Protein backbone atom coordinates (compact mmCIF):
# COMPACT_ATOMS: atom_id res chain seq x y z
CA UNK A 1 7.27 1.83 8.01
CA UNK A 2 10.43 4.09 6.85
CA UNK A 3 12.91 1.86 7.59
CA UNK A 4 11.15 -0.93 5.99
CA UNK A 5 10.84 0.92 2.73
CA UNK A 6 14.16 1.86 2.92
CA UNK A 7 15.25 -1.76 3.43
CA UNK A 8 13.47 -2.71 0.21
CA UNK A 9 14.77 -0.05 -2.30
CA UNK A 10 16.28 -1.14 -5.26
CA UNK A 11 20.00 -0.07 -5.53
CA UNK A 12 20.63 -0.12 -9.30
CA UNK A 13 18.30 2.36 -10.35
CA UNK A 14 15.60 5.22 -9.23
CA UNK A 15 12.83 3.34 -7.60
CA UNK A 16 9.03 4.26 -7.99
CA UNK A 17 7.58 4.14 -4.76
CA UNK A 18 3.85 4.77 -4.40
CA UNK A 19 1.58 5.14 -1.09
CA UNK A 20 -2.05 4.67 -2.18
CA UNK A 21 -4.45 6.06 0.43
CA UNK A 22 -1.73 8.56 1.67
CA UNK A 23 -4.24 10.17 3.80
CA UNK A 24 -2.00 13.43 5.47
CA UNK A 25 0.84 12.18 3.58
CA UNK A 26 2.93 11.11 6.98
CA UNK A 27 4.51 8.49 4.58
CA UNK A 28 5.14 10.85 1.70
CA UNK A 29 6.96 12.97 3.83
CA UNK A 30 8.95 10.69 5.64
CA UNK A 31 10.20 9.63 2.05
CA UNK A 32 10.94 12.86 1.08
CA UNK A 33 13.24 13.92 4.31
CA UNK A 34 15.23 10.87 3.01
CA UNK A 35 15.65 12.06 -0.23
CA UNK A 36 13.37 9.23 -1.64
CA UNK A 37 11.51 9.71 -4.45
CA UNK A 38 7.50 8.91 -4.18
CA UNK A 39 4.20 9.61 -5.40
CA UNK A 40 0.99 9.73 -3.31
CA UNK A 41 -2.39 8.73 -4.30
CA UNK A 42 -5.83 9.34 -2.90
CA UNK A 43 -9.64 9.80 -3.73
CA UNK A 44 -10.15 12.67 -1.13
CA UNK A 45 -9.31 15.90 -2.84
CA UNK A 46 -8.98 17.87 0.50
CA UNK A 47 -6.32 15.45 1.72
CA UNK A 48 -4.76 15.69 -1.61
CA UNK A 49 -4.59 19.48 -1.26
CA UNK A 50 -3.19 19.25 1.91
CA UNK A 51 -0.41 17.07 0.63
CA UNK A 52 0.59 19.02 -2.23
CA UNK A 53 0.75 21.96 0.04
CA UNK A 54 3.22 19.79 1.85
CA UNK A 55 5.57 19.47 -0.88
CA UNK A 56 4.31 15.85 -2.06
CA UNK A 57 3.89 14.47 -5.43
CA UNK A 58 0.13 13.99 -5.32
CA UNK A 59 -2.41 12.20 -7.85
CA UNK A 60 -6.02 11.23 -7.51
CA UNK A 61 -5.87 7.79 -7.74
CA UNK A 62 -8.70 4.68 -6.85
CA UNK A 63 -7.13 1.78 -5.55
CA UNK A 64 -9.66 -0.07 -7.56
CA UNK A 65 -8.15 0.90 -10.84
CA UNK A 66 -4.86 2.25 -10.24
CA UNK A 67 -3.44 5.12 -12.58
CA UNK A 68 -0.24 3.69 -13.05
CA UNK A 69 1.53 1.73 -16.03
CA UNK A 70 1.61 -2.30 -15.71
CA UNK A 71 4.87 -3.25 -14.11
CA UNK A 72 6.04 0.02 -13.51
CA UNK A 73 6.13 -0.01 -9.27
CA UNK A 74 9.01 -0.99 -7.24
CA UNK A 75 7.59 -0.69 -3.84
CA UNK A 76 3.79 -0.24 -3.16
CA UNK A 77 2.48 0.98 -0.13
CA UNK A 78 -1.16 0.34 0.76
CA UNK A 79 -1.35 1.56 4.71
CA UNK A 80 -4.83 1.50 6.42
CA UNK A 81 -6.69 1.05 2.76
CA UNK A 82 -7.83 -2.28 2.31
CA UNK A 83 -10.60 -2.17 5.51
CA UNK A 84 -12.36 0.45 3.50
CA UNK A 85 -13.21 -1.82 0.60
CA UNK A 86 -16.26 -4.29 0.66
CA UNK A 87 -15.22 -7.92 0.25
CA UNK A 88 -16.54 -7.79 -3.36
CA UNK A 89 -14.05 -5.10 -4.10
CA UNK A 90 -10.45 -6.85 -2.35
CA UNK A 91 -9.93 -9.43 -5.12
CA UNK A 92 -10.14 -6.43 -7.34
CA UNK A 93 -7.85 -3.97 -5.64
CA UNK A 94 -5.10 -6.88 -4.99
CA UNK A 95 -5.34 -7.53 -8.60
CA UNK A 96 -4.44 -3.98 -9.39
CA UNK A 97 -1.38 -3.74 -6.98
CA UNK A 98 -0.34 -7.06 -8.94
CA UNK A 99 -0.68 -5.47 -12.25
CA UNK A 100 1.48 -2.40 -11.61
CA UNK A 101 3.97 -4.02 -9.31
CA UNK A 102 7.35 -5.05 -11.08
CA UNK A 103 8.68 -8.65 -10.72
CA UNK A 104 10.93 -8.58 -7.64
CA UNK A 105 8.85 -5.42 -6.42
CA UNK A 106 7.31 -5.34 -2.79
CA UNK A 107 4.16 -4.46 -1.44
CA UNK A 108 3.90 -3.22 2.20
CA UNK A 109 0.25 -3.46 3.42
CA UNK A 110 -0.85 -2.45 7.04
CA UNK A 111 -4.35 -2.94 8.22
CA UNK A 112 -6.11 -2.73 11.72
CA UNK A 113 -4.99 -5.79 13.62
CA UNK A 114 -8.21 -6.65 15.74
CA UNK A 115 -11.51 -7.13 13.91
CA UNK A 116 -13.30 -5.53 16.55
CA UNK A 117 -11.58 -2.33 16.51
CA UNK A 118 -11.88 -2.29 12.64
CA UNK A 119 -15.36 -3.00 12.00
CA UNK A 120 -16.39 -0.11 14.64
CA UNK A 121 -15.07 2.44 12.23
CA UNK A 122 -17.74 3.89 10.38
CA UNK A 123 -15.82 4.21 6.78
CA UNK A 124 -14.48 0.48 7.81
CA UNK A 125 -16.47 -2.26 5.63
CA UNK A 126 -14.24 -5.31 5.74
CA UNK A 127 -11.73 -6.88 8.02
CA UNK A 128 -8.78 -8.29 6.47
CA UNK A 129 -6.62 -10.68 8.03
CA UNK A 130 -3.29 -12.26 6.97
CA UNK A 131 -4.74 -15.39 5.95
CA UNK A 132 -7.13 -13.35 3.70
CA UNK A 133 -3.87 -11.70 2.02
CA UNK A 134 -1.75 -15.00 2.36
CA UNK A 135 -4.48 -16.86 0.31
CA UNK A 136 -5.15 -14.04 -2.50
CA UNK A 137 -1.52 -13.86 -2.90
CA UNK A 138 -1.17 -17.76 -3.15
CA UNK A 139 -3.48 -18.11 -5.52
CA UNK A 140 -2.44 -15.93 -7.88
CA UNK A 141 1.24 -17.50 -7.60
CA UNK A 142 2.97 -13.88 -6.80
CA UNK A 143 6.18 -16.16 -6.27
CA UNK A 144 8.26 -13.18 -7.87
CA UNK A 145 6.60 -10.36 -6.01
CA UNK A 146 7.34 -10.19 -2.23
CA UNK A 147 4.69 -8.70 0.21
CA UNK A 148 5.25 -7.65 3.67
CA UNK A 149 1.91 -7.35 5.98
CA UNK A 150 1.77 -5.49 9.20
CA UNK A 151 -1.08 -5.29 11.53
CA UNK A 152 -1.15 -1.76 12.96
CA UNK A 153 -1.31 -2.89 16.68
CA UNK A 154 1.03 -5.56 16.02
CA UNK A 155 4.75 -5.26 16.44
CA UNK A 156 5.84 -8.34 14.32
CA UNK A 157 5.78 -8.25 10.47
CA UNK A 158 4.88 -11.46 8.60
CA UNK A 159 6.45 -11.93 5.42
CA UNK A 160 3.48 -13.72 2.81
CA UNK A 161 6.08 -14.61 0.13
CA UNK A 162 9.39 -13.82 -0.56
């Protein structure tokens, strides 16, 4: 994941990288070790406290109403979050990502690869496939934004749009 984020960093400015649903802050800590500025968001106060104690720049934030300025984010990381949303909430969350992402920015999304594994989790509400994401981003004609989708149990990345 860190290599992927690093590959997409803009070279002409200080980037804004956000990690929505940061959990224990693994991505943010990794970015900090590489001196890549980042902000971490979650709705779990215990996780935010843990991340803050480990040196992360944390914010309370729900992906359904991202507390960010429109068109302000260079790289939006959403790892293991979308499956926690209902089918009705998913378009709203993806619309928020679209709203805050800069033109030419990147979205990096990971979700569980297998439906049977995804739907076993007690907090999982939905299964999100590559086709679901492809459909959504194409329907919004996000041709100036790039989306990279990676299933957690898969070794292959798939580009939704470039």
